[in-house]
Amino acid sequence: MEALVLAADKPTLEYAAEGVELYRKRLQGFGKVEVRYVRGGSSEEVSARLLRASEGCLRIAVDERGKNMSTRELTKLWKEWQLRSVRRVAFMVGAADGHSEELRVASDLILSFGRHTMQHELALVVLMEQIYRVHTLLAGLPYHRG
């Protein structure tokens, strides 16, 4: 199963750019994980671009109003997607103003990393780390400790 990580604009914060690149490199041995950026703009504009870029994928919106899942729950869900022969999953991280209602309705899952508001570039790094952690759990590697 392929994962497509879609985000608004490339990270401008140095730590975020480095974090995304670190986990992108670590994920290379686990299958195809592509990171792609769409042009920024208003919430509606970015959401429309994310929806176009995720056509044909199982859509996961990263949003504070979504379902808060543990890493093990996300890993279990990943296994279910594999068993259902899902070919491609798109994770969508919006811009500073979040996602439009249209994008949330069109998503198969809205995933939250907690109820607090998180800067979108930080959310992207957290997402990449969680995808890496899921892959290490699936592979039986000791990266995940809890």
C-alpha atoms as a PDB file:
ATOM      1  CA  MET A   1       0.000   0.000   0.000  1.00  0.00           C
ATOM      2  CA  GLU A   2       1.295   3.420  -0.933  1.00  0.00           C
ATOM      3  CA  ALA A   3       1.012   6.485   1.259  1.00  0.00           C
ATOM      4  CA  LEU A   4       0.742   9.977  -0.140  1.00  0.00           C
ATOM      5  CA  VAL A   5       1.366  12.818   2.300  1.00  0.00           C
ATOM      6  CA  LEU A   6      -0.103  16.055   1.002  1.00  0.00           C
ATOM      7  CA  ALA A   7       0.523  19.396   2.663  1.00  0.00           C
ATOM      8  CA  ALA A   8       0.074  23.070   1.940  1.00  0.00           C
ATOM      9  CA  ASP A   9       3.386  24.666   0.931  1.00  0.00           C
ATOM     10  CA  LYS A  10       6.829  23.293   1.756  1.00  0.00           C
ATOM     11  CA  PRO A  11       7.787  23.853   5.372  1.00  0.00           C
ATOM     12  CA  THR A  12       9.555  27.170   5.932  1.00  0.00           C
ATOM     13  CA  LEU A  13      10.504  26.447   9.527  1.00  0.00           C
ATOM     14  CA  GLU A  14      13.928  24.801   9.555  1.00  0.00           C
ATOM     15  CA  TYR A  15      13.063  22.154  12.160  1.00  0.00           C
ATOM     16  CA  ALA A  16       9.961  21.152  10.209  1.00  0.00           C
ATOM     17  CA  ALA A  17      11.765  20.853   6.876  1.00  0.00           C
ATOM     18  CA  GLU A  18      14.505  18.779   8.533  1.00  0.00           C
ATOM     19  CA  GLY A  19      11.984  16.593  10.361  1.00  0.00           C
ATOM     20  CA  VAL A  20       9.964  15.835   7.232  1.00  0.00           C
ATOM     21  CA  GLU A  21      13.135  14.963   5.338  1.00  0.00           C
ATOM     22  CA  LEU A  22      14.459  12.801   8.191  1.00  0.00           C
ATOM     23  CA  TYR A  23      11.318  10.640   8.285  1.00  0.00           C
ATOM     24  CA  ARG A  24      10.961  10.597   4.500  1.00  0.00           C
ATOM     25  CA  LYS A  25      14.451   9.082   4.304  1.00  0.00           C
ATOM     26  CA  ARG A  26      13.770   6.619   7.130  1.00  0.00           C
ATOM     27  CA  LEU A  27      10.610   5.453   5.370  1.00  0.00           C
ATOM     28  CA  GLN A  28      12.404   4.590   2.111  1.00  0.00           C
ATOM     29  CA  GLY A  29      12.975   0.997   3.159  1.00  0.00           C
ATOM     30  CA  PHE A  30       9.326   0.390   4.021  1.00  0.00           C
ATOM     31  CA  GLY A  31       7.552   0.935   0.736  1.00  0.00           C
ATOM     32  CA  LYS A  32       6.364   3.947  -1.166  1.00  0.00           C
ATOM     33  CA  VAL A  33       5.672   7.052   0.880  1.00  0.00           C
ATOM     34  CA  GLU A  34       5.479  10.168  -1.255  1.00  0.00           C
ATOM     35  CA  VAL A  35       5.428  13.705   0.139  1.00  0.00           C
ATOM     36  CA  ARG A  36       3.866  16.293  -2.117  1.00  0.00           C
ATOM     37  CA  TYR A  37       3.066  19.952  -1.522  1.00  0.00           C
ATOM     38  CA  VAL A  38       0.214  22.005  -2.949  1.00  0.00           C
ATOM     39  CA  ARG A  39       0.237  25.766  -3.316  1.00  0.00           C
ATOM     40  CA  GLY A  40      -0.988  27.685  -0.281  1.00  0.00           C
ATOM     41  CA  GLY A  41      -3.890  30.098  -0.084  1.00  0.00           C
ATOM     42  CA  SER A  42      -7.174  30.303   1.757  1.00  0.00           C
ATOM     43  CA  SER A  43      -8.619  27.285   3.525  1.00  0.00           C
ATOM     44  CA  GLU A  44     -11.037  26.720   0.650  1.00  0.00           C
ATOM     45  CA  GLU A  45      -8.328  27.035  -2.023  1.00  0.00           C
ATOM     46  CA  VAL A  46      -5.900  24.706  -0.247  1.00  0.00           C
ATOM     47  CA  SER A  47      -8.654  22.199   0.525  1.00  0.00           C
ATOM     48  CA  ALA A  48      -9.722  22.135  -3.135  1.00  0.00           C
ATOM     49  CA  ARG A  49      -6.099  21.490  -4.170  1.00  0.00           C
ATOM     50  CA  LEU A  50      -5.740  18.729  -1.572  1.00  0.00           C
ATOM     51  CA  LEU A  51      -8.953  17.085  -2.791  1.00  0.00           C
ATOM     52  CA  ARG A  52      -7.771  17.164  -6.414  1.00  0.00           C
ATOM     53  CA  ALA A  53      -4.350  15.763  -5.454  1.00  0.00           C
ATOM     54  CA  SER A  54      -5.937  12.937  -3.432  1.00  0.00           C
ATOM     55  CA  GLU A  55      -8.398  11.718  -6.066  1.00  0.00           C
ATOM     56  CA  GLY A  56      -8.568   7.927  -6.162  1.00  0.00           C
ATOM     57  CA  CYS A  57      -7.065   7.581  -2.674  1.00  0.00           C
ATOM     58  CA  LEU A  58      -8.517   6.706   0.676  1.00  0.00           C
ATOM     59  CA  ARG A  59      -8.527  10.189   2.218  1.00  0.00           C
ATOM     60  CA  ILE A  60      -7.323  10.984   5.726  1.00  0.00           C
ATOM     61  CA  ALA A  61      -7.601  14.605   6.857  1.00  0.00           C
ATOM     62  CA  VAL A  62      -5.357  15.654   9.724  1.00  0.00           C
ATOM     63  CA  ASP A  63      -7.480  18.002  11.817  1.00  0.00           C
ATOM     64  CA  GLU A  64      -7.795  18.812  15.519  1.00  0.00           C
ATOM     65  CA  ARG A  65     -11.538  18.037  15.320  1.00  0.00           C
ATOM     66  CA  GLY A  66     -10.909  14.470  14.223  1.00  0.00           C
ATOM     67  CA  LYS A  67     -10.544  11.128  15.929  1.00  0.00           C
ATOM     68  CA  ASN A  68      -7.652  10.885  18.359  1.00  0.00           C
ATOM     69  CA  MET A  69      -6.017   7.482  17.890  1.00  0.00           C
ATOM     70  CA  SER A  70      -3.093   5.796  19.569  1.00  0.00           C
ATOM     71  CA  THR A  71      -0.207   4.601  17.422  1.00  0.00           C
ATOM     72  CA  ARG A  72      -1.313   1.007  17.939  1.00  0.00           C
ATOM     73  CA  GLU A  73      -4.852   1.888  16.820  1.00  0.00           C
ATOM     74  CA  LEU A  74      -3.451   3.559  13.711  1.00  0.00           C
ATOM     75  CA  THR A  75      -1.309   0.474  13.047  1.00  0.00           C
ATOM     76  CA  LYS A  76      -4.375  -1.764  13.360  1.00  0.00           C
ATOM     77  CA  LEU A  77      -6.243   0.488  10.940  1.00  0.00           C
ATOM     78  CA  TRP A  78      -3.283   0.349   8.520  1.00  0.00           C
ATOM     79  CA  LYS A  79      -3.446  -3.469   8.622  1.00  0.00           C
ATOM     80  CA  GLU A  80      -7.189  -3.299   7.891  1.00  0.00           C
ATOM     81  CA  TRP A  81      -6.523  -1.094   4.877  1.00  0.00           C
ATOM     82  CA  GLN A  82      -3.966  -3.623   3.637  1.00  0.00           C
ATOM     83  CA  LEU A  83      -6.437  -6.490   4.103  1.00  0.00           C
ATOM     84  CA  ARG A  84      -9.063  -4.521   2.173  1.00  0.00           C
ATOM     85  CA  SER A  85      -6.493  -4.096  -0.625  1.00  0.00           C
ATOM     86  CA  VAL A  86      -6.458  -0.314  -0.342  1.00  0.00           C
ATOM     87  CA  ARG A  87      -3.866   0.726  -2.898  1.00  0.00           C
ATOM     88  CA  ARG A  88      -3.211   4.321  -1.841  1.00  0.00           C
ATOM     89  CA  VAL A  89      -3.885   6.375   1.265  1.00  0.00           C
ATOM     90  CA  ALA A  90      -3.622  10.160   1.152  1.00  0.00           C
ATOM     91  CA  PHE A  91      -2.957  12.044   4.378  1.00  0.00           C
ATOM     92  CA  MET A  92      -3.867  15.714   4.031  1.00  0.00           C
ATOM     93  CA  VAL A  93      -2.405  18.506   6.165  1.00  0.00           C
ATOM     94  CA  GLY A  94      -3.955  21.894   5.485  1.00  0.00           C
ATOM     95  CA  ALA A  95      -2.598  25.383   5.838  1.00  0.00           C
ATOM     96  CA  ALA A  96      -2.748  27.603   8.904  1.00  0.00           C
ATOM     97  CA  ASP A  97      -6.536  28.047   8.645  1.00  0.00           C
ATOM     98  CA  GLY A  98      -7.249  24.307   8.535  1.00  0.00           C
ATOM     99  CA  HIS A  99      -9.531  22.371   6.213  1.00  0.00           C
ATOM    100  CA  SER A 100     -12.795  23.384   4.608  1.00  0.00           C
ATOM    101  CA  GLU A 101     -16.009  21.622   5.516  1.00  0.00           C
ATOM    102  CA  GLU A 102     -16.065  20.183   1.989  1.00  0.00           C
ATOM    103  CA  LEU A 103     -12.727  18.444   2.553  1.00  0.00           C
ATOM    104  CA  ARG A 104     -13.779  17.096   5.947  1.00  0.00           C
ATOM    105  CA  VAL A 105     -16.984  15.663   4.454  1.00  0.00           C
ATOM    106  CA  ALA A 106     -15.058  14.103   1.529  1.00  0.00           C
ATOM    107  CA  SER A 107     -12.547  12.423   3.866  1.00  0.00           C
ATOM    108  CA  ASP A 108     -12.783   8.780   4.852  1.00  0.00           C
ATOM    109  CA  LEU A 109     -11.263   9.569   8.250  1.00  0.00           C
ATOM    110  CA  ILE A 110     -10.419  12.730  10.137  1.00  0.00           C
ATOM    111  CA  LEU A 111      -7.374  12.065  12.275  1.00  0.00           C
ATOM    112  CA  SER A 112      -6.381  14.213  15.236  1.00  0.00           C
ATOM    113  CA  PHE A 113      -3.128  14.393  17.154  1.00  0.00           C
ATOM    114  CA  GLY A 114      -4.978  15.843  20.144  1.00  0.00           C
ATOM    115  CA  ARG A 115      -7.496  18.530  20.943  1.00  0.00           C
ATOM    116  CA  HIS A 116      -4.960  21.326  21.090  1.00  0.00           C
ATOM    117  CA  THR A 117      -4.316  23.513  18.070  1.00  0.00           C
ATOM    118  CA  MET A 118      -1.024  22.632  16.418  1.00  0.00           C
ATOM    119  CA  GLN A 119       1.001  24.662  13.934  1.00  0.00           C
ATOM    120  CA  HIS A 120       0.497  22.964  10.548  1.00  0.00           C
ATOM    121  CA  GLU A 121       4.202  22.430   9.847  1.00  0.00           C
ATOM    122  CA  LEU A 122       4.585  20.730  13.228  1.00  0.00           C
ATOM    123  CA  ALA A 123       1.522  18.578  12.451  1.00  0.00           C
ATOM    124  CA  LEU A 124       3.250  17.480   9.244  1.00  0.00           C
ATOM    125  CA  VAL A 125       6.352  16.365  11.167  1.00  0.00           C
ATOM    126  CA  VAL A 126       4.183  14.514  13.723  1.00  0.00           C
ATOM    127  CA  LEU A 127       2.327  12.794  10.876  1.00  0.00           C
ATOM    128  CA  MET A 128       5.569  11.682   9.220  1.00  0.00           C
ATOM    129  CA  GLU A 129       6.887  10.328  12.520  1.00  0.00           C
ATOM    130  CA  GLN A 130       3.659   8.421  13.141  1.00  0.00           C
ATOM    131  CA  ILE A 131       3.721   6.884   9.656  1.00  0.00           C
ATOM    132  CA  TYR A 132       7.297   5.798  10.354  1.00  0.00           C
ATOM    133  CA  ARG A 133       6.305   4.408  13.756  1.00  0.00           C
ATOM    134  CA  VAL A 134       3.420   2.440  12.194  1.00  0.00           C
ATOM    135  CA  HIS A 135       5.797   0.927   9.644  1.00  0.00           C
ATOM    136  CA  THR A 136       8.288  -0.093  12.331  1.00  0.00           C
ATOM    137  CA  LEU A 137       5.497  -1.757  14.309  1.00  0.00           C
ATOM    138  CA  LEU A 138       4.316  -3.622  11.201  1.00  0.00           C
ATOM    139  CA  ALA A 139       7.893  -4.756  10.573  1.00  0.00           C
ATOM    140  CA  GLY A 140       8.385  -5.882  14.207  1.00  0.00           C
ATOM    141  CA  LEU A 141      11.214  -3.406  14.796  1.00  0.00           C
ATOM    142  CA  PRO A 142      11.972  -2.034  18.282  1.00  0.00           C
ATOM    143  CA  TYR A 143      11.473   1.691  17.430  1.00  0.00           C
ATOM    144  CA  HIS A 144       8.047   1.779  19.099  1.00  0.00           C
ATOM    145  CA  ARG A 145       8.321   1.349  22.848  1.00  0.00           C
ATOM    146  CA  GLY A 146       4.810   1.773  24.209  1.00  0.00           C
END
